[in-house]
PDB file of N, CA and C in Angstrom:
ATOM      1  N   UNK A   1      -7.399 -19.216 -21.849  1.00  0.00           N
ATOM      2  CA  UNK A   1      -7.267 -18.681 -20.516  1.00  0.00           C
ATOM      3  C   UNK A   1      -5.854 -17.993 -20.544  1.00  0.00           C
ATOM      4  N   UNK A   2      -5.811 -16.692 -20.141  1.00  0.00           N
ATOM      5  CA  UNK A   2      -4.484 -16.024 -20.044  1.00  0.00           C
ATOM      6  C   UNK A   2      -3.911 -16.169 -18.725  1.00  0.00           C
ATOM      7  N   UNK A   3      -2.621 -16.211 -18.715  1.00  0.00           N
ATOM      8  CA  UNK A   3      -1.929 -16.480 -17.411  1.00  0.00           C
ATOM      9  C   UNK A   3      -0.995 -15.173 -17.227  1.00  0.00           C
ATOM     10  N   UNK A   4      -0.961 -14.906 -15.966  1.00  0.00           N
ATOM     11  CA  UNK A   4      -0.155 -13.745 -15.584  1.00  0.00           C
ATOM     12  C   UNK A   4       1.232 -14.302 -15.154  1.00  0.00           C
ATOM     13  N   UNK A   5       2.180 -13.808 -15.691  1.00  0.00           N
ATOM     14  CA  UNK A   5       3.582 -14.190 -15.376  1.00  0.00           C
ATOM     15  C   UNK A   5       4.194 -13.143 -14.485  1.00  0.00           C
ATOM     16  N   UNK A   6       4.799 -13.577 -13.356  1.00  0.00           N
ATOM     17  CA  UNK A   6       5.222 -12.767 -12.284  1.00  0.00           C
ATOM     18  C   UNK A   6       6.796 -13.116 -12.200  1.00  0.00           C
ATOM     19  N   UNK A   7       7.580 -12.093 -12.168  1.00  0.00           N
ATOM     20  CA  UNK A   7       8.972 -12.367 -12.037  1.00  0.00           C
ATOM     21  C   UNK A   7       9.336 -12.872 -10.615  1.00  0.00           C
ATOM     22  N   UNK A   8      10.072 -13.876 -10.410  1.00  0.00           N
ATOM     23  CA  UNK A   8      10.353 -14.364  -9.169  1.00  0.00           C
ATOM     24  C   UNK A   8      11.376 -13.386  -8.483  1.00  0.00           C
ATOM     25  N   UNK A   9      12.260 -12.807  -9.204  1.00  0.00           N
ATOM     26  CA  UNK A   9      13.112 -11.801  -8.606  1.00  0.00           C
ATOM     27  C   UNK A   9      12.384 -10.717  -8.081  1.00  0.00           C
ATOM     28  N   UNK A  10      11.414 -10.245  -8.801  1.00  0.00           N
ATOM     29  CA  UNK A  10      10.488  -9.015  -8.340  1.00  0.00           C
ATOM     30  C   UNK A  10       9.878  -9.494  -7.068  1.00  0.00           C
ATOM     31  N   UNK A  11       9.183 -10.666  -7.000  1.00  0.00           N
ATOM     32  CA  UNK A  11       8.516 -11.079  -5.807  1.00  0.00           C
ATOM     33  C   UNK A  11       9.438 -11.258  -4.552  1.00  0.00           C
ATOM     34  N   UNK A  12      10.713 -11.793  -4.863  1.00  0.00           N
ATOM     35  CA  UNK A  12      11.622 -11.887  -3.710  1.00  0.00           C
ATOM     36  C   UNK A  12      12.081 -10.448  -3.253  1.00  0.00           C
ATOM     37  N   UNK A  13      12.209  -9.481  -4.111  1.00  0.00           N
ATOM     38  CA  UNK A  13      12.525  -8.148  -3.838  1.00  0.00           C
ATOM     39  C   UNK A  13      11.343  -7.551  -2.908  1.00  0.00           C
ATOM     40  N   UNK A  14      10.193  -7.831  -3.239  1.00  0.00           N
ATOM     41  CA  UNK A  14       9.098  -7.258  -2.500  1.00  0.00           C
ATOM     42  C   UNK A  14       8.873  -7.896  -1.115  1.00  0.00           C
ATOM     43  N   UNK A  15       9.337  -9.212  -0.932  1.00  0.00           N
ATOM     44  CA  UNK A  15       9.218  -9.775   0.293  1.00  0.00           C
ATOM     45  C   UNK A  15      10.467  -9.556   1.202  1.00  0.00           C
ATOM     46  N   UNK A  16      11.482  -9.059   0.613  1.00  0.00           N
ATOM     47  CA  UNK A  16      12.816  -8.929   1.338  1.00  0.00           C
ATOM     48  C   UNK A  16      12.645  -8.105   2.608  1.00  0.00           C
ATOM     49  N   UNK A  17      12.008  -6.870   2.550  1.00  0.00           N
ATOM     50  CA  UNK A  17      11.894  -6.154   3.822  1.00  0.00           C
ATOM     51  C   UNK A  17      11.235  -6.828   4.870  1.00  0.00           C
ATOM     52  N   UNK A  18      10.216  -7.602   4.595  1.00  0.00           N
ATOM     53  CA  UNK A  18       9.403  -8.437   5.585  1.00  0.00           C
ATOM     54  C   UNK A  18      10.365  -9.513   6.173  1.00  0.00           C
ATOM     55  N   UNK A  19      11.161 -10.136   5.298  1.00  0.00           N
ATOM     56  CA  UNK A  19      12.098 -11.213   5.830  1.00  0.00           C
ATOM     57  C   UNK A  19      13.109 -10.504   6.640  1.00  0.00           C
ATOM     58  N   UNK A  20      13.689  -9.323   6.291  1.00  0.00           N
ATOM     59  CA  UNK A  20      14.611  -8.726   7.196  1.00  0.00           C
ATOM     60  C   UNK A  20      14.074  -8.346   8.555  1.00  0.00           C
ATOM     61  N   UNK A  21      12.799  -7.933   8.502  1.00  0.00           N
ATOM     62  CA  UNK A  21      12.250  -7.527   9.726  1.00  0.00           C
ATOM     63  C   UNK A  21      12.053  -8.768  10.651  1.00  0.00           C
ATOM     64  N   UNK A  22      11.624  -9.880  10.081  1.00  0.00           N
ATOM     65  CA  UNK A  22      11.376 -11.079  10.890  1.00  0.00           C
ATOM     66  C   UNK A  22      12.703 -11.539  11.459  1.00  0.00           C
ATOM     67  N   UNK A  23      13.830 -11.399  10.714  1.00  0.00           N
ATOM     68  CA  UNK A  23      15.192 -11.855  11.069  1.00  0.00           C
ATOM     69  C   UNK A  23      15.603 -10.902  12.252  1.00  0.00           C
ATOM     70  N   UNK A  24      15.393  -9.662  12.125  1.00  0.00           N
ATOM     71  CA  UNK A  24      15.688  -8.740  13.217  1.00  0.00           C
ATOM     72  C   UNK A  24      14.911  -9.106  14.470  1.00  0.00           C
ATOM     73  N   UNK A  25      13.617  -9.316  14.381  1.00  0.00           N
ATOM     74  CA  UNK A  25      12.911  -9.721  15.543  1.00  0.00           C
ATOM     75  C   UNK A  25      13.458 -11.086  16.166  1.00  0.00           C
ATOM     76  N   UNK A  26      13.718 -12.007  15.383  1.00  0.00           N
ATOM     77  CA  UNK A  26      14.345 -13.293  15.615  1.00  0.00           C
ATOM     78  C   UNK A  26      15.611 -13.106  16.491  1.00  0.00           C
ATOM     79  N   UNK A  27      16.493 -12.297  16.002  1.00  0.00           N
ATOM     80  CA  UNK A  27      17.850 -12.039  16.551  1.00  0.00           C
ATOM     81  C   UNK A  27      17.564 -11.397  18.012  1.00  0.00           C
ATOM     82  N   UNK A  28      16.593 -10.482  18.032  1.00  0.00           N
ATOM     83  CA  UNK A  28      16.499  -9.669  19.238  1.00  0.00           C
ATOM     84  C   UNK A  28      15.889 -10.601  20.347  1.00  0.00           C
ATOM     85  N   UNK A  29      14.969 -11.391  19.834  1.00  0.00           N
ATOM     86  CA  UNK A  29      14.402 -12.532  20.893  1.00  0.00           C
ATOM     87  C   UNK A  29      15.500 -13.232  21.433  1.00  0.00           C
ATOM     88  N   UNK A  30      16.311 -13.839  20.478  1.00  0.00           N
ATOM     89  CA  UNK A  30      17.381 -14.760  20.914  1.00  0.00           C
ATOM     90  C   UNK A  30      18.381 -14.030  21.879  1.00  0.00           C
ATOM     91  N   UNK A  31      18.722 -12.846  21.429  1.00  0.00           N
ATOM     92  CA  UNK A  31      19.776 -12.159  22.261  1.00  0.00           C
ATOM     93  C   UNK A  31      19.188 -11.602  23.527  1.00  0.00           C
ATOM     94  N   UNK A  32      18.002 -11.327  23.711  1.00  0.00           N
ATOM     95  CA  UNK A  32      17.336 -10.541  24.768  1.00  0.00           C
ATOM     96  C   UNK A  32      16.023 -11.263  25.246  1.00  0.00           C
ATOM     97  N   UNK A  33      15.974 -12.517  25.524  1.00  0.00           N
ATOM     98  CA  UNK A  33      14.693 -13.199  25.839  1.00  0.00           C
ATOM     99  C   UNK A  33      13.964 -12.476  27.097  1.00  0.00           C
ATOM    100  N   UNK A  34      14.728 -11.700  27.938  1.00  0.00           N
ATOM    101  CA  UNK A  34      14.052 -11.114  29.083  1.00  0.00           C
ATOM    102  C   UNK A  34      13.188  -9.919  28.652  1.00  0.00           C
ATOM    103  N   UNK A  35      13.337  -9.500  27.447  1.00  0.00           N
ATOM    104  CA  UNK A  35      12.431  -8.400  27.037  1.00  0.00           C
ATOM    105  C   UNK A  35      11.006  -8.765  26.590  1.00  0.00           C
ATOM    106  N   UNK A  36      10.907 -10.166  26.518  1.00  0.00           N
ATOM    107  CA  UNK A  36       9.520 -10.617  26.077  1.00  0.00           C
ATOM    108  C   UNK A  36       8.630 -10.443  27.283  1.00  0.00           C
ATOM    109  N   UNK A  37       7.445  -9.930  27.013  1.00  0.00           N
ATOM    110  CA  UNK A  37       6.476  -9.606  28.065  1.00  0.00           C
ATOM    111  C   UNK A  37       5.035 -10.072  27.462  1.00  0.00           C
ATOM    112  N   UNK A  38       4.193 -10.577  28.396  1.00  0.00           N
ATOM    113  CA  UNK A  38       2.799 -10.863  27.929  1.00  0.00           C
ATOM    114  C   UNK A  38       2.097  -9.612  27.422  1.00  0.00           C
ATOM    115  N   UNK A  39       1.208  -9.846  26.457  1.00  0.00           N
ATOM    116  CA  UNK A  39       0.419  -8.843  26.002  1.00  0.00           C
ATOM    117  C   UNK A  39      -0.886  -8.733  26.851  1.00  0.00           C
ATOM    118  N   UNK A  40      -1.162  -7.510  27.436  1.00  0.00           N
ATOM    119  CA  UNK A  40      -2.313  -7.481  28.288  1.00  0.00           C
ATOM    120  C   UNK A  40      -3.614  -7.721  27.587  1.00  0.00           C
ATOM    121  N   UNK A  41      -4.528  -8.408  28.269  1.00  0.00           N
ATOM    122  CA  UNK A  41      -5.880  -8.715  27.666  1.00  0.00           C
ATOM    123  C   UNK A  41      -6.614  -7.395  27.282  1.00  0.00           C
ATOM    124  N   UNK A  42      -6.457  -6.302  27.837  1.00  0.00           N
ATOM    125  CA  UNK A  42      -7.098  -5.036  27.511  1.00  0.00           C
ATOM    126  C   UNK A  42      -6.567  -4.543  26.147  1.00  0.00           C
ATOM    127  N   UNK A  43      -5.296  -4.801  25.976  1.00  0.00           N
ATOM    128  CA  UNK A  43      -4.836  -4.477  24.517  1.00  0.00           C
ATOM    129  C   UNK A  43      -5.492  -5.173  23.419  1.00  0.00           C
ATOM    130  N   UNK A  44      -5.712  -6.397  23.667  1.00  0.00           N
ATOM    131  CA  UNK A  44      -6.578  -7.306  22.699  1.00  0.00           C
ATOM    132  C   UNK A  44      -7.968  -6.779  22.584  1.00  0.00           C
ATOM    133  N   UNK A  45      -8.547  -6.357  23.699  1.00  0.00           N
ATOM    134  CA  UNK A  45      -9.894  -5.789  23.616  1.00  0.00           C
ATOM    135  C   UNK A  45      -9.972  -4.553  22.851  1.00  0.00           C
ATOM    136  N   UNK A  46      -8.954  -3.756  23.036  1.00  0.00           N
ATOM    137  CA  UNK A  46      -8.760  -2.486  22.276  1.00  0.00           C
ATOM    138  C   UNK A  46      -8.760  -2.811  20.750  1.00  0.00           C
ATOM    139  N   UNK A  47      -7.900  -3.741  20.444  1.00  0.00           N
ATOM    140  CA  UNK A  47      -7.744  -4.230  18.898  1.00  0.00           C
ATOM    141  C   UNK A  47      -9.097  -4.627  18.403  1.00  0.00           C
ATOM    142  N   UNK A  48      -9.899  -5.383  19.239  1.00  0.00           N
ATOM    143  CA  UNK A  48     -11.271  -5.852  18.755  1.00  0.00           C
ATOM    144  C   UNK A  48     -12.131  -4.671  18.575  1.00  0.00           C
ATOM    145  N   UNK A  49     -11.976  -3.839  19.469  1.00  0.00           N
ATOM    146  CA  UNK A  49     -12.940  -2.740  19.389  1.00  0.00           C
ATOM    147  C   UNK A  49     -12.642  -1.824  18.108  1.00  0.00           C
ATOM    148  N   UNK A  50     -11.366  -1.569  17.959  1.00  0.00           N
ATOM    149  CA  UNK A  50     -11.031  -0.849  16.687  1.00  0.00           C
ATOM    150  C   UNK A  50     -11.453  -1.548  15.433  1.00  0.00           C
ATOM    151  N   UNK A  51     -11.155  -2.833  15.306  1.00  0.00           N
ATOM    152  CA  UNK A  51     -11.433  -3.707  14.324  1.00  0.00           C
ATOM    153  C   UNK A  51     -12.965  -3.648  13.931  1.00  0.00           C
ATOM    154  N   UNK A  52     -13.760  -3.852  15.114  1.00  0.00           N
ATOM    155  CA  UNK A  52     -15.278  -3.723  14.923  1.00  0.00           C
ATOM    156  C   UNK A  52     -15.746  -2.431  14.396  1.00  0.00           C
ATOM    157  N   UNK A  53     -15.171  -1.290  14.877  1.00  0.00           N
ATOM    158  CA  UNK A  53     -15.545   0.061  14.418  1.00  0.00           C
ATOM    159  C   UNK A  53     -15.109   0.316  12.914  1.00  0.00           C
ATOM    160  N   UNK A  54     -13.985  -0.255  12.554  1.00  0.00           N
ATOM    161  CA  UNK A  54     -13.597  -0.203  11.251  1.00  0.00           C
ATOM    162  C   UNK A  54     -14.428  -1.011  10.342  1.00  0.00           C
ATOM    163  N   UNK A  55     -14.840  -2.168  10.729  1.00  0.00           N
ATOM    164  CA  UNK A  55     -15.704  -2.924  10.066  1.00  0.00           C
ATOM    165  C   UNK A  55     -17.150  -2.173   9.780  1.00  0.00           C
ATOM    166  N   UNK A  56     -17.615  -1.592  10.802  1.00  0.00           N
ATOM    167  CA  UNK A  56     -18.815  -0.832  10.636  1.00  0.00           C
ATOM    168  C   UNK A  56     -18.801   0.295   9.775  1.00  0.00           C
ATOM    169  N   UNK A  57     -17.615   1.031   9.781  1.00  0.00           N
ATOM    170  CA  UNK A  57     -17.437   2.118   8.821  1.00  0.00           C
ATOM    171  C   UNK A  57     -17.286   1.654   7.398  1.00  0.00           C
ATOM    172  N   UNK A  58     -16.524   0.612   7.209  1.00  0.00           N
ATOM    173  CA  UNK A  58     -16.436   0.152   5.815  1.00  0.00           C
ATOM    174  C   UNK A  58     -17.783  -0.458   5.226  1.00  0.00           C
ATOM    175  N   UNK A  59     -18.581  -1.006   6.134  1.00  0.00           N
ATOM    176  CA  UNK A  59     -19.895  -1.545   5.718  1.00  0.00           C
ATOM    177  C   UNK A  59     -20.769  -0.423   5.274  1.00  0.00           C
ATOM    178  N   UNK A  60     -20.775   0.736   6.076  1.00  0.00           N
ATOM    179  CA  UNK A  60     -21.587   1.898   5.901  1.00  0.00           C
ATOM    180  C   UNK A  60     -21.150   2.618   4.600  1.00  0.00           C
ATOM    181  N   UNK A  61     -19.791   2.673   4.272  1.00  0.00           N
ATOM    182  CA  UNK A  61     -19.331   3.249   3.052  1.00  0.00           C
ATOM    183  C   UNK A  61     -19.789   2.352   1.827  1.00  0.00           C
ATOM    184  N   UNK A  62     -19.619   0.945   2.038  1.00  0.00           N
ATOM    185  CA  UNK A  62     -20.071   0.070   0.935  1.00  0.00           C
ATOM    186  C   UNK A  62     -21.593   0.415   0.526  1.00  0.00           C
ATOM    187  N   UNK A  63     -22.412   0.608   1.536  1.00  0.00           N
ATOM    188  CA  UNK A  63     -23.808   0.668   1.320  1.00  0.00           C
ATOM    189  C   UNK A  63     -24.048   2.080   0.524  1.00  0.00           C
ATOM    190  N   UNK A  64     -23.117   3.104   0.656  1.00  0.00           N
ATOM    191  CA  UNK A  64     -23.346   4.324   0.053  1.00  0.00           C
ATOM    192  C   UNK A  64     -22.970   4.278  -1.340  1.00  0.00           C
ATOM    193  N   UNK A  65     -22.235   3.229  -1.817  1.00  0.00           N
ATOM    194  CA  UNK A  65     -21.896   3.148  -3.175  1.00  0.00           C
ATOM    195  C   UNK A  65     -22.892   2.757  -4.042  1.00  0.00           C
TER     196      UNK A  65
END
């Protein structure tokens, strides 16, 4: 069985922007907790609608292949 070797430095470099973003959000929340607002239910409903339409499109494309 062949094994794929992945550079740890490369993986760290790939995840660094994500970590930087999370740290930025963490600092912003700590410094300005008054900015936190509830997410409206209607927004979640829109997310679900978009997700369901995308799922339908992807299924249709897969059937065409």
